[in-house]
Amino acid sequence: MLGSSSLLASRPELGAPGRALELSLDADLLIEPCDARQAGVVHEAIGEGSLFHREYGVYADVMRPEIAATLPAEWEKRCVCLGRDRAVRCLNPIDLAVVKLQLGRDKDIALLKAMLSEGVISIAALRQAYQAAAMSERAMFKAGRILRQLEVEQQAGGATPPGTPPVVREARAKYGRVGTGAERRQSKKPAVGDQLE
């Protein structure tokens, strides 16, 4: 399993209400081996618009085998098994993060921020994986720019630790770093969001 839903193998709690993957409705599947006929059968059974999708509200997208070439080197060795079924393997969170870093769409950056704030990955691990990834010069530049943005936001307090109350997360998103009472007393400076404490 590829895509954001692959995180549920490592961190199933992320699918709970109010968590990062609450609204993730699809799973990107790389079925091996799989030809066009088999992909069509799977799509008809559990793909977008299928009876399964209409009944359960979730669906699967079958990925073309060529997608594997865009994944980080040796990604298969780092896959996480889904439950006890060793036949179903999910992309390791750090490999997913590198893919999202390369894609760089708004939704990918939002997922990276959620992965950082939930403690699924660290900036240091993401930087190391980014530096080891084979990318074109253009992709490397784009991913590096996004990584630097994430680092700056985290240093400024943009990433919040797991378990931070939603009201504090919202305030940090709106106003920036919301320091603790002890931090403000040490600095003698008021912080935005004092009313939250």
N, C-alpha and C. Protein backbone atom coordinates (compact mmCIF):
# COMPACT_ATOMS: atom_id res chain seq x y z
N MET A 1 0.85 -1.17 0.00
CA MET A 1 0.00 0.00 0.00
C MET A 1 0.90 1.24 0.00
N LEU A 2 0.57 2.16 -0.88
CA LEU A 2 1.32 3.40 -0.99
C LEU A 2 0.40 4.55 -0.58
N GLY A 3 0.91 5.76 -0.57
CA GLY A 3 0.09 6.92 -0.25
C GLY A 3 -0.13 7.09 1.24
N SER A 4 -0.87 8.12 1.59
CA SER A 4 -1.02 8.49 3.00
C SER A 4 -1.65 7.39 3.84
N SER A 5 -2.53 6.59 3.27
CA SER A 5 -3.17 5.52 4.03
C SER A 5 -2.17 4.47 4.51
N SER A 6 -0.99 4.41 3.89
CA SER A 6 0.02 3.44 4.32
C SER A 6 0.49 3.74 5.75
N LEU A 7 0.31 4.96 6.22
CA LEU A 7 0.69 5.32 7.60
C LEU A 7 -0.11 4.54 8.63
N LEU A 8 -1.29 4.10 8.26
CA LEU A 8 -2.16 3.42 9.22
C LEU A 8 -1.58 2.08 9.66
N ALA A 9 -0.68 1.49 8.89
CA ALA A 9 -0.04 0.24 9.31
C ALA A 9 0.88 0.49 10.49
N SER A 10 1.58 1.64 10.48
CA SER A 10 2.50 1.99 11.56
C SER A 10 1.79 2.69 12.71
N ARG A 11 0.84 3.55 12.36
CA ARG A 11 0.17 4.39 13.37
C ARG A 11 -1.34 4.39 13.12
N PRO A 12 -2.04 3.30 13.47
CA PRO A 12 -3.47 3.22 13.20
C PRO A 12 -4.29 4.32 13.87
N GLU A 13 -3.78 4.88 14.97
CA GLU A 13 -4.51 5.93 15.67
C GLU A 13 -4.66 7.20 14.83
N LEU A 14 -3.87 7.34 13.78
CA LEU A 14 -3.96 8.54 12.94
C LEU A 14 -5.25 8.59 12.14
N GLY A 15 -5.99 7.48 12.08
CA GLY A 15 -7.27 7.46 11.39
C GLY A 15 -8.44 7.83 12.28
N ALA A 16 -8.17 8.05 13.57
CA ALA A 16 -9.24 8.39 14.53
C ALA A 16 -9.76 9.80 14.27
N PRO A 17 -10.99 10.08 14.72
CA PRO A 17 -11.55 11.43 14.55
C PRO A 17 -10.62 12.51 15.12
N GLY A 18 -10.44 13.56 14.32
CA GLY A 18 -9.61 14.68 14.73
C GLY A 18 -8.12 14.48 14.46
N ARG A 19 -7.75 13.33 13.91
CA ARG A 19 -6.34 13.05 13.66
C ARG A 19 -6.04 13.22 12.17
N ALA A 20 -4.77 13.12 11.82
CA ALA A 20 -4.28 13.48 10.48
C ALA A 20 -4.96 12.75 9.32
N LEU A 21 -5.32 11.48 9.51
CA LEU A 21 -5.88 10.70 8.40
C LEU A 21 -7.37 10.43 8.54
N GLU A 22 -8.03 11.19 9.37
CA GLU A 22 -9.46 10.99 9.59
C GLU A 22 -10.23 11.00 8.27
N LEU A 23 -9.85 11.87 7.36
CA LEU A 23 -10.59 12.03 6.11
C LEU A 23 -9.94 11.32 4.93
N SER A 24 -8.98 10.44 5.18
CA SER A 24 -8.34 9.70 4.10
C SER A 24 -9.29 8.60 3.65
N LEU A 25 -9.79 8.70 2.43
CA LEU A 25 -10.83 7.80 1.94
C LEU A 25 -10.33 6.76 0.95
N ASP A 26 -9.08 6.87 0.52
CA ASP A 26 -8.61 5.94 -0.49
C ASP A 26 -7.28 5.31 -0.09
N ALA A 27 -7.01 4.17 -0.68
CA ALA A 27 -5.74 3.48 -0.48
C ALA A 27 -5.13 3.25 -1.86
N ASP A 28 -3.88 3.64 -2.03
CA ASP A 28 -3.17 3.42 -3.29
C ASP A 28 -2.48 2.06 -3.21
N LEU A 29 -2.90 1.14 -4.08
CA LEU A 29 -2.38 -0.21 -4.04
C LEU A 29 -1.44 -0.49 -5.19
N LEU A 30 -0.32 -1.11 -4.89
CA LEU A 30 0.61 -1.61 -5.91
C LEU A 30 0.54 -3.12 -5.80
N ILE A 31 -0.16 -3.73 -6.73
CA ILE A 31 -0.38 -5.17 -6.68
C ILE A 31 0.64 -5.84 -7.59
N GLU A 32 1.35 -6.82 -7.03
CA GLU A 32 2.39 -7.51 -7.81
C GLU A 32 2.15 -9.01 -7.77
N PRO A 33 2.12 -9.68 -8.89
CA PRO A 33 2.04 -9.12 -10.24
C PRO A 33 0.62 -8.67 -10.53
N CYS A 34 0.50 -7.78 -11.49
CA CYS A 34 -0.83 -7.26 -11.85
C CYS A 34 -0.79 -6.74 -13.28
N ASP A 35 -1.64 -7.33 -14.13
CA ASP A 35 -1.73 -6.82 -15.50
C ASP A 35 -2.97 -5.94 -15.62
N ALA A 36 -3.22 -5.41 -16.79
CA ALA A 36 -4.33 -4.47 -16.99
C ALA A 36 -5.68 -5.11 -16.68
N ARG A 37 -5.85 -6.40 -17.03
CA ARG A 37 -7.12 -7.09 -16.75
C ARG A 37 -7.34 -7.21 -15.24
N GLN A 38 -6.31 -7.63 -14.52
CA GLN A 38 -6.44 -7.77 -13.07
C GLN A 38 -6.71 -6.41 -12.41
N ALA A 39 -6.03 -5.38 -12.89
CA ALA A 39 -6.25 -4.04 -12.34
C ALA A 39 -7.70 -3.60 -12.56
N GLY A 40 -8.24 -3.93 -13.73
CA GLY A 40 -9.63 -3.60 -14.03
C GLY A 40 -10.60 -4.31 -13.10
N VAL A 41 -10.33 -5.58 -12.81
CA VAL A 41 -11.18 -6.36 -11.91
C VAL A 41 -11.15 -5.75 -10.50
N VAL A 42 -9.96 -5.40 -10.02
CA VAL A 42 -9.82 -4.80 -8.69
C VAL A 42 -10.54 -3.46 -8.65
N HIS A 43 -10.36 -2.64 -9.69
CA HIS A 43 -11.02 -1.34 -9.73
C HIS A 43 -12.53 -1.50 -9.70
N GLU A 44 -13.05 -2.44 -10.48
CA GLU A 44 -14.49 -2.65 -10.53
C GLU A 44 -15.03 -3.10 -9.16
N ALA A 45 -14.23 -3.90 -8.46
CA ALA A 45 -14.68 -4.44 -7.17
C ALA A 45 -14.58 -3.42 -6.03
N ILE A 46 -13.45 -2.70 -5.93
CA ILE A 46 -13.25 -1.82 -4.78
C ILE A 46 -12.74 -0.43 -5.15
N GLY A 47 -12.77 -0.09 -6.43
CA GLY A 47 -12.29 1.21 -6.88
C GLY A 47 -13.30 2.33 -6.67
N GLU A 48 -12.88 3.53 -7.01
CA GLU A 48 -13.74 4.70 -6.87
C GLU A 48 -15.01 4.50 -7.70
N GLY A 49 -16.18 4.74 -7.09
CA GLY A 49 -17.45 4.58 -7.77
C GLY A 49 -18.02 3.16 -7.70
N SER A 50 -17.27 2.22 -7.15
CA SER A 50 -17.74 0.83 -7.05
C SER A 50 -18.83 0.70 -6.00
N LEU A 51 -19.50 -0.46 -5.98
CA LEU A 51 -20.49 -0.74 -4.95
C LEU A 51 -19.84 -0.69 -3.56
N PHE A 52 -18.62 -1.22 -3.47
CA PHE A 52 -17.87 -1.18 -2.21
C PHE A 52 -17.69 0.27 -1.74
N HIS A 53 -17.28 1.14 -2.65
CA HIS A 53 -17.09 2.57 -2.34
C HIS A 53 -18.39 3.20 -1.87
N ARG A 54 -19.48 2.93 -2.59
CA ARG A 54 -20.77 3.52 -2.22
C ARG A 54 -21.25 3.01 -0.86
N GLU A 55 -20.97 1.75 -0.57
CA GLU A 55 -21.44 1.16 0.69
C GLU A 55 -20.59 1.57 1.89
N TYR A 56 -19.26 1.60 1.72
CA TYR A 56 -18.37 1.84 2.86
C TYR A 56 -17.71 3.22 2.87
N GLY A 57 -17.79 3.95 1.77
CA GLY A 57 -17.24 5.30 1.74
C GLY A 57 -15.73 5.38 1.52
N VAL A 58 -15.09 4.25 1.30
CA VAL A 58 -13.65 4.20 1.02
C VAL A 58 -13.43 3.38 -0.25
N TYR A 59 -12.29 3.58 -0.87
CA TYR A 59 -12.01 2.87 -2.11
C TYR A 59 -10.51 2.71 -2.30
N ALA A 60 -10.15 1.92 -3.31
CA ALA A 60 -8.73 1.68 -3.62
C ALA A 60 -8.42 2.14 -5.03
N ASP A 61 -7.24 2.69 -5.20
CA ASP A 61 -6.71 3.03 -6.53
C ASP A 61 -5.58 2.05 -6.81
N VAL A 62 -5.61 1.42 -7.96
CA VAL A 62 -4.54 0.49 -8.34
C VAL A 62 -3.47 1.30 -9.08
N MET A 63 -2.27 1.27 -8.55
CA MET A 63 -1.15 2.00 -9.14
C MET A 63 -0.49 1.18 -10.25
N ARG A 64 0.02 1.88 -11.24
CA ARG A 64 0.77 1.21 -12.31
C ARG A 64 2.13 0.76 -11.74
N PRO A 65 2.64 -0.37 -12.20
CA PRO A 65 3.93 -0.87 -11.70
C PRO A 65 5.08 0.15 -11.84
N GLU A 66 4.99 1.04 -12.83
CA GLU A 66 6.04 2.03 -13.07
C GLU A 66 6.22 2.98 -11.88
N ILE A 67 5.20 3.07 -11.03
CA ILE A 67 5.28 3.98 -9.87
C ILE A 67 6.43 3.60 -8.96
N ALA A 68 6.79 2.32 -8.93
CA ALA A 68 7.87 1.85 -8.05
C ALA A 68 9.19 2.54 -8.36
N ALA A 69 9.39 2.94 -9.61
CA ALA A 69 10.63 3.61 -9.99
C ALA A 69 10.76 5.00 -9.37
N THR A 70 9.66 5.57 -8.92
CA THR A 70 9.69 6.91 -8.32
C THR A 70 9.88 6.86 -6.80
N LEU A 71 9.90 5.67 -6.24
CA LEU A 71 10.04 5.52 -4.78
C LEU A 71 11.50 5.49 -4.38
N PRO A 72 11.81 5.82 -3.12
CA PRO A 72 13.21 5.79 -2.67
C PRO A 72 13.83 4.41 -2.83
N ALA A 73 15.13 4.38 -3.07
CA ALA A 73 15.86 3.11 -3.27
C ALA A 73 15.63 2.17 -2.09
N GLU A 74 15.46 0.92 -2.40
CA GLU A 74 15.29 -0.15 -1.41
C GLU A 74 14.08 0.03 -0.51
N TRP A 75 13.06 0.71 -1.01
CA TRP A 75 11.85 0.95 -0.23
C TRP A 75 11.19 -0.35 0.21
N GLU A 76 11.29 -1.40 -0.64
CA GLU A 76 10.63 -2.68 -0.30
C GLU A 76 11.18 -3.26 1.00
N LYS A 77 12.47 -3.06 1.25
CA LYS A 77 13.10 -3.62 2.45
C LYS A 77 12.60 -2.94 3.73
N ARG A 78 12.08 -1.73 3.59
CA ARG A 78 11.64 -0.97 4.76
C ARG A 78 10.12 -0.99 4.96
N CYS A 79 9.42 -1.73 4.10
CA CYS A 79 7.96 -1.75 4.22
C CYS A 79 7.51 -2.28 5.58
N VAL A 80 6.34 -1.83 5.99
CA VAL A 80 5.74 -2.24 7.26
C VAL A 80 4.59 -3.18 6.92
N CYS A 81 4.57 -4.36 7.55
CA CYS A 81 3.49 -5.31 7.29
C CYS A 81 2.20 -4.83 7.94
N LEU A 82 1.11 -5.06 7.25
CA LEU A 82 -0.20 -4.68 7.76
C LEU A 82 -0.72 -5.82 8.62
N GLY A 83 -0.71 -5.61 9.91
CA GLY A 83 -1.14 -6.66 10.84
C GLY A 83 -0.26 -7.88 10.73
N ARG A 84 -0.88 -9.04 10.82
CA ARG A 84 -0.12 -10.30 10.74
C ARG A 84 0.04 -10.79 9.32
N ASP A 85 -0.64 -10.16 8.39
CA ASP A 85 -0.58 -10.59 6.99
C ASP A 85 0.66 -10.03 6.32
N ARG A 86 1.67 -10.86 6.16
CA ARG A 86 2.92 -10.40 5.58
C ARG A 86 2.80 -10.16 4.08
N ALA A 87 1.68 -10.56 3.48
CA ALA A 87 1.49 -10.33 2.04
C ALA A 87 1.10 -8.88 1.76
N VAL A 88 0.56 -8.20 2.75
CA VAL A 88 0.17 -6.80 2.58
C VAL A 88 1.21 -5.94 3.29
N ARG A 89 1.98 -5.21 2.48
CA ARG A 89 3.04 -4.37 3.03
C ARG A 89 2.73 -2.92 2.69
N CYS A 90 3.08 -2.05 3.63
CA CYS A 90 2.80 -0.62 3.47
C CYS A 90 4.10 0.16 3.46
N LEU A 91 4.09 1.23 2.72
CA LEU A 91 5.26 2.10 2.61
C LEU A 91 5.67 2.59 4.00
N ASN A 92 6.96 2.53 4.27
CA ASN A 92 7.50 3.02 5.53
C ASN A 92 7.25 4.53 5.61
N PRO A 93 6.92 5.05 6.79
CA PRO A 93 6.61 6.49 6.91
C PRO A 93 7.70 7.41 6.35
N ILE A 94 8.97 7.09 6.54
CA ILE A 94 10.02 7.99 6.04
C ILE A 94 10.08 7.97 4.51
N ASP A 95 9.80 6.80 3.91
CA ASP A 95 9.76 6.74 2.44
C ASP A 95 8.56 7.52 1.91
N LEU A 96 7.43 7.40 2.60
CA LEU A 96 6.25 8.19 2.22
C LEU A 96 6.57 9.68 2.32
N ALA A 97 7.28 10.07 3.37
CA ALA A 97 7.62 11.48 3.56
C ALA A 97 8.50 12.00 2.42
N VAL A 98 9.45 11.18 1.96
CA VAL A 98 10.32 11.59 0.85
C VAL A 98 9.49 11.77 -0.42
N VAL A 99 8.55 10.85 -0.66
CA VAL A 99 7.68 10.97 -1.84
C VAL A 99 6.86 12.25 -1.75
N LYS A 100 6.28 12.51 -0.59
CA LYS A 100 5.47 13.72 -0.41
C LYS A 100 6.32 14.98 -0.55
N LEU A 101 7.55 14.92 -0.08
CA LEU A 101 8.47 16.04 -0.21
C LEU A 101 8.75 16.34 -1.68
N GLN A 102 8.93 15.29 -2.48
CA GLN A 102 9.17 15.46 -3.92
C GLN A 102 7.95 16.01 -4.64
N LEU A 103 6.75 15.50 -4.28
CA LEU A 103 5.53 15.97 -4.95
C LEU A 103 5.25 17.43 -4.61
N GLY A 104 5.34 17.76 -3.33
CA GLY A 104 5.26 19.15 -2.91
C GLY A 104 3.94 19.88 -3.13
N ARG A 105 2.85 19.14 -3.34
CA ARG A 105 1.55 19.80 -3.48
C ARG A 105 1.11 20.27 -2.09
N ASP A 106 0.12 21.15 -2.03
CA ASP A 106 -0.36 21.65 -0.74
C ASP A 106 -0.75 20.51 0.18
N LYS A 107 -1.47 19.52 -0.36
CA LYS A 107 -1.91 18.40 0.48
C LYS A 107 -0.72 17.55 0.95
N ASP A 108 0.35 17.48 0.16
CA ASP A 108 1.54 16.74 0.56
C ASP A 108 2.27 17.45 1.69
N ILE A 109 2.37 18.77 1.58
CA ILE A 109 3.03 19.56 2.62
C ILE A 109 2.21 19.49 3.91
N ALA A 110 0.88 19.53 3.79
CA ALA A 110 0.02 19.41 4.98
C ALA A 110 0.24 18.06 5.66
N LEU A 111 0.38 16.99 4.86
CA LEU A 111 0.62 15.67 5.46
C LEU A 111 1.99 15.63 6.14
N LEU A 112 3.00 16.22 5.52
CA LEU A 112 4.33 16.27 6.14
C LEU A 112 4.27 17.00 7.48
N LYS A 113 3.56 18.12 7.53
CA LYS A 113 3.43 18.86 8.78
C LYS A 113 2.73 18.01 9.84
N ALA A 114 1.70 17.28 9.42
CA ALA A 114 1.00 16.41 10.36
C ALA A 114 1.91 15.28 10.85
N MET A 115 2.71 14.71 9.95
CA MET A 115 3.63 13.64 10.33
C MET A 115 4.67 14.15 11.33
N LEU A 116 5.13 15.38 11.13
CA LEU A 116 6.08 15.97 12.07
C LEU A 116 5.41 16.26 13.41
N SER A 117 4.24 16.87 13.38
CA SER A 117 3.57 17.24 14.63
C SER A 117 3.10 16.02 15.41
N GLU A 118 2.79 14.93 14.72
CA GLU A 118 2.35 13.70 15.39
C GLU A 118 3.54 12.85 15.86
N GLY A 119 4.76 13.28 15.49
CA GLY A 119 5.93 12.52 15.91
C GLY A 119 6.17 11.26 15.09
N VAL A 120 5.56 11.17 13.91
CA VAL A 120 5.75 10.00 13.04
C VAL A 120 7.15 10.02 12.45
N ILE A 121 7.62 11.21 12.08
CA ILE A 121 8.97 11.39 11.55
C ILE A 121 9.60 12.60 12.25
N SER A 122 10.89 12.75 12.08
CA SER A 122 11.58 13.93 12.59
C SER A 122 12.19 14.67 11.41
N ILE A 123 12.48 15.94 11.62
CA ILE A 123 13.14 16.73 10.58
C ILE A 123 14.50 16.10 10.24
N ALA A 124 15.23 15.66 11.25
CA ALA A 124 16.56 15.07 11.03
C ALA A 124 16.46 13.83 10.15
N ALA A 125 15.50 12.96 10.44
CA ALA A 125 15.33 11.73 9.63
C ALA A 125 14.89 12.08 8.22
N LEU A 126 14.03 13.08 8.08
CA LEU A 126 13.56 13.49 6.76
C LEU A 126 14.71 14.07 5.95
N ARG A 127 15.55 14.89 6.58
CA ARG A 127 16.70 15.47 5.88
C ARG A 127 17.66 14.36 5.42
N GLN A 128 17.91 13.39 6.28
CA GLN A 128 18.82 12.29 5.93
C GLN A 128 18.26 11.49 4.75
N ALA A 129 16.96 11.19 4.78
CA ALA A 129 16.33 10.44 3.69
C ALA A 129 16.33 11.25 2.39
N TYR A 130 16.09 12.55 2.51
CA TYR A 130 16.10 13.45 1.35
C TYR A 130 17.49 13.46 0.70
N GLN A 131 18.53 13.54 1.53
CA GLN A 131 19.90 13.58 1.00
C GLN A 131 20.30 12.27 0.33
N ALA A 132 19.70 11.15 0.78
CA ALA A 132 20.02 9.85 0.21
C ALA A 132 19.19 9.52 -1.03
N ALA A 133 18.11 10.26 -1.26
CA ALA A 133 17.20 9.96 -2.36
C ALA A 133 17.78 10.38 -3.70
N ALA A 134 17.51 9.56 -4.71
CA ALA A 134 17.91 9.89 -6.08
C ALA A 134 16.79 10.74 -6.70
N MET A 135 17.11 11.99 -7.02
CA MET A 135 16.13 12.91 -7.62
C MET A 135 16.80 13.70 -8.71
N SER A 136 15.99 14.20 -9.61
CA SER A 136 16.52 15.11 -10.62
C SER A 136 16.94 16.39 -9.90
N GLU A 137 17.74 17.20 -10.56
CA GLU A 137 18.18 18.46 -9.95
C GLU A 137 16.99 19.36 -9.62
N ARG A 138 16.03 19.40 -10.52
CA ARG A 138 14.85 20.23 -10.31
C ARG A 138 14.05 19.73 -9.10
N ALA A 139 13.84 18.40 -9.01
CA ALA A 139 13.10 17.82 -7.89
C ALA A 139 13.85 18.04 -6.59
N MET A 140 15.19 17.92 -6.63
CA MET A 140 16.01 18.11 -5.45
C MET A 140 15.89 19.55 -4.94
N PHE A 141 15.88 20.51 -5.85
CA PHE A 141 15.76 21.92 -5.47
C PHE A 141 14.40 22.19 -4.84
N LYS A 142 13.33 21.69 -5.49
CA LYS A 142 11.97 21.90 -4.98
C LYS A 142 11.80 21.25 -3.61
N ALA A 143 12.24 20.00 -3.48
CA ALA A 143 12.13 19.28 -2.21
C ALA A 143 12.96 19.96 -1.12
N GLY A 144 14.14 20.42 -1.48
CA GLY A 144 15.00 21.10 -0.52
C GLY A 144 14.39 22.38 0.00
N ARG A 145 13.72 23.11 -0.88
CA ARG A 145 13.05 24.35 -0.50
C ARG A 145 11.91 24.05 0.49
N ILE A 146 11.15 23.01 0.23
CA ILE A 146 10.05 22.63 1.12
C ILE A 146 10.61 22.15 2.46
N LEU A 147 11.67 21.36 2.42
CA LEU A 147 12.29 20.87 3.65
C LEU A 147 12.77 22.04 4.51
N ARG A 148 13.40 23.00 3.88
CA ARG A 148 13.89 24.17 4.63
C ARG A 148 12.72 24.93 5.26
N GLN A 149 11.62 25.06 4.51
CA GLN A 149 10.42 25.72 5.03
C GLN A 149 9.90 24.97 6.27
N LEU A 150 9.87 23.65 6.20
CA LEU A 150 9.42 22.84 7.34
C LEU A 150 10.35 23.00 8.54
N GLU A 151 11.66 23.06 8.27
CA GLU A 151 12.64 23.25 9.34
C GLU A 151 12.45 24.60 10.03
N VAL A 152 12.26 25.64 9.23
CA VAL A 152 12.07 26.99 9.78
C VAL A 152 10.80 27.04 10.62
N GLU A 153 9.71 26.45 10.11
CA GLU A 153 8.45 26.44 10.86
C GLU A 153 8.60 25.68 12.17
N GLN A 154 9.32 24.56 12.12
CA GLN A 154 9.49 23.79 13.34
C GLN A 154 10.36 24.54 14.36
N GLN A 155 11.41 25.19 13.89
CA GLN A 155 12.27 25.98 14.79
C GLN A 155 11.49 27.14 15.40
N ALA A 156 10.53 27.66 14.64
CA ALA A 156 9.72 28.78 15.14
C ALA A 156 8.57 28.29 16.01
N GLY A 157 8.48 26.97 16.16
CA GLY A 157 7.42 26.42 16.99
C GLY A 157 6.18 26.06 16.22
N GLY A 158 6.29 25.96 14.90
CA GLY A 158 5.12 25.62 14.08
C GLY A 158 4.67 24.19 14.25
N ALA A 159 5.60 23.28 14.51
CA ALA A 159 5.22 21.89 14.72
C ALA A 159 4.89 21.69 16.19
N THR A 160 3.77 21.09 16.46
CA THR A 160 3.35 20.88 17.84
C THR A 160 3.49 19.42 18.19
N PRO A 161 3.84 19.12 19.43
CA PRO A 161 4.03 17.74 19.82
C PRO A 161 2.73 16.96 19.83
N PRO A 162 2.82 15.60 19.73
CA PRO A 162 1.61 14.79 19.78
C PRO A 162 0.84 15.07 21.08
N GLY A 163 -0.49 15.02 20.99
CA GLY A 163 -1.31 15.22 22.16
C GLY A 163 -1.61 16.67 22.48
N THR A 164 -1.09 17.61 21.68
CA THR A 164 -1.38 19.02 21.92
C THR A 164 -2.87 19.26 21.68
N PRO A 165 -3.55 19.92 22.61
CA PRO A 165 -4.99 20.16 22.44
C PRO A 165 -5.29 20.92 21.15
N PRO A 166 -6.42 20.59 20.51
CA PRO A 166 -6.77 21.25 19.24
C PRO A 166 -6.79 22.77 19.33
N VAL A 167 -7.24 23.34 20.47
CA VAL A 167 -7.30 24.80 20.58
C VAL A 167 -5.90 25.41 20.49
N VAL A 168 -4.90 24.72 21.05
CA VAL A 168 -3.52 25.22 20.98
C VAL A 168 -3.00 25.07 19.56
N ARG A 169 -3.29 23.93 18.91
CA ARG A 169 -2.88 23.74 17.51
C ARG A 169 -3.45 24.85 16.63
N GLU A 170 -4.74 25.16 16.83
CA GLU A 170 -5.38 26.21 16.03
C GLU A 170 -4.73 27.56 16.28
N ALA A 171 -4.43 27.86 17.53
CA ALA A 171 -3.80 29.14 17.85
C ALA A 171 -2.41 29.22 17.23
N ARG A 172 -1.66 28.12 17.29
CA ARG A 172 -0.33 28.13 16.69
C ARG A 172 -0.41 28.29 15.19
N ALA A 173 -1.41 27.66 14.58
CA ALA A 173 -1.58 27.80 13.13
C ALA A 173 -1.93 29.23 12.76
N LYS A 174 -2.73 29.89 13.61
CA LYS A 174 -3.18 31.25 13.31
C LYS A 174 -2.18 32.31 13.71
N TYR A 175 -1.55 32.14 14.90
CA TYR A 175 -0.72 33.18 15.46
C TYR A 175 0.77 32.86 15.55
N GLY A 176 1.14 31.61 15.29
CA GLY A 176 2.54 31.23 15.46
C GLY A 176 2.75 30.58 16.81
N ARG A 177 3.96 30.62 17.31
CA ARG A 177 4.33 29.95 18.57
C ARG A 177 3.52 30.47 19.73
N VAL A 178 2.93 29.55 20.49
CA VAL A 178 2.22 29.89 21.70
C VAL A 178 3.03 29.28 22.83
N GLY A 179 3.81 30.09 23.51
CA GLY A 179 4.71 29.58 24.54
C GLY A 179 3.97 29.15 25.79
N THR A 180 4.65 28.36 26.62
CA THR A 180 4.07 27.98 27.90
C THR A 180 4.27 29.12 28.88
N GLY A 181 3.55 29.07 29.98
CA GLY A 181 3.68 30.12 31.00
C GLY A 181 5.11 30.23 31.49
N ALA A 182 5.78 29.09 31.70
CA ALA A 182 7.17 29.09 32.19
C ALA A 182 8.10 29.73 31.17
N GLU A 183 7.89 29.44 29.89
CA GLU A 183 8.74 30.03 28.85
C GLU A 183 8.60 31.55 28.82
N ARG A 184 7.36 32.04 29.00
CA ARG A 184 7.14 33.48 28.96
C ARG A 184 7.71 34.17 30.19
N ARG A 185 7.58 33.51 31.35
CA ARG A 185 8.14 34.11 32.57
C ARG A 185 9.66 34.23 32.46
N GLN A 186 10.29 33.23 31.83
CA GLN A 186 11.75 33.29 31.65
C GLN A 186 12.13 34.41 30.71
N SER A 187 11.38 34.58 29.63
CA SER A 187 11.74 35.59 28.64
C SER A 187 11.21 36.98 29.01
N LYS A 188 10.25 37.05 29.94
CA LYS A 188 9.63 38.32 30.36
C LYS A 188 8.87 38.97 29.22
N LYS A 189 8.56 38.18 28.16
CA LYS A 189 7.84 38.73 27.03
C LYS A 189 6.49 38.03 26.94
N PRO A 190 5.42 38.77 26.67
CA PRO A 190 4.14 38.11 26.48
C PRO A 190 4.15 37.35 25.15
N ALA A 191 3.39 36.29 25.08
CA ALA A 191 3.29 35.52 23.84
C ALA A 191 1.87 35.56 23.35
N VAL A 192 1.71 35.45 22.04
CA VAL A 192 0.38 35.40 21.46
C VAL A 192 -0.31 34.16 22.01
N GLY A 193 -1.54 34.25 22.37
CA GLY A 193 -2.30 33.11 22.85
C GLY A 193 -2.25 32.95 24.35
N ASP A 194 -1.85 34.01 25.10
CA ASP A 194 -1.82 33.92 26.57
C ASP A 194 -3.16 33.49 27.12
N GLN A 195 -4.24 33.85 26.44
CA GLN A 195 -5.57 33.52 26.94
C GLN A 195 -5.83 32.03 26.94
N LEU A 196 -5.00 31.24 26.28
CA LEU A 196 -5.21 29.79 26.22
C LEU A 196 -4.81 29.10 27.51
N GLU A 197 -4.02 29.74 28.33
CA GLU A 197 -3.54 29.09 29.56
C GLU A 197 -4.37 29.49 30.76
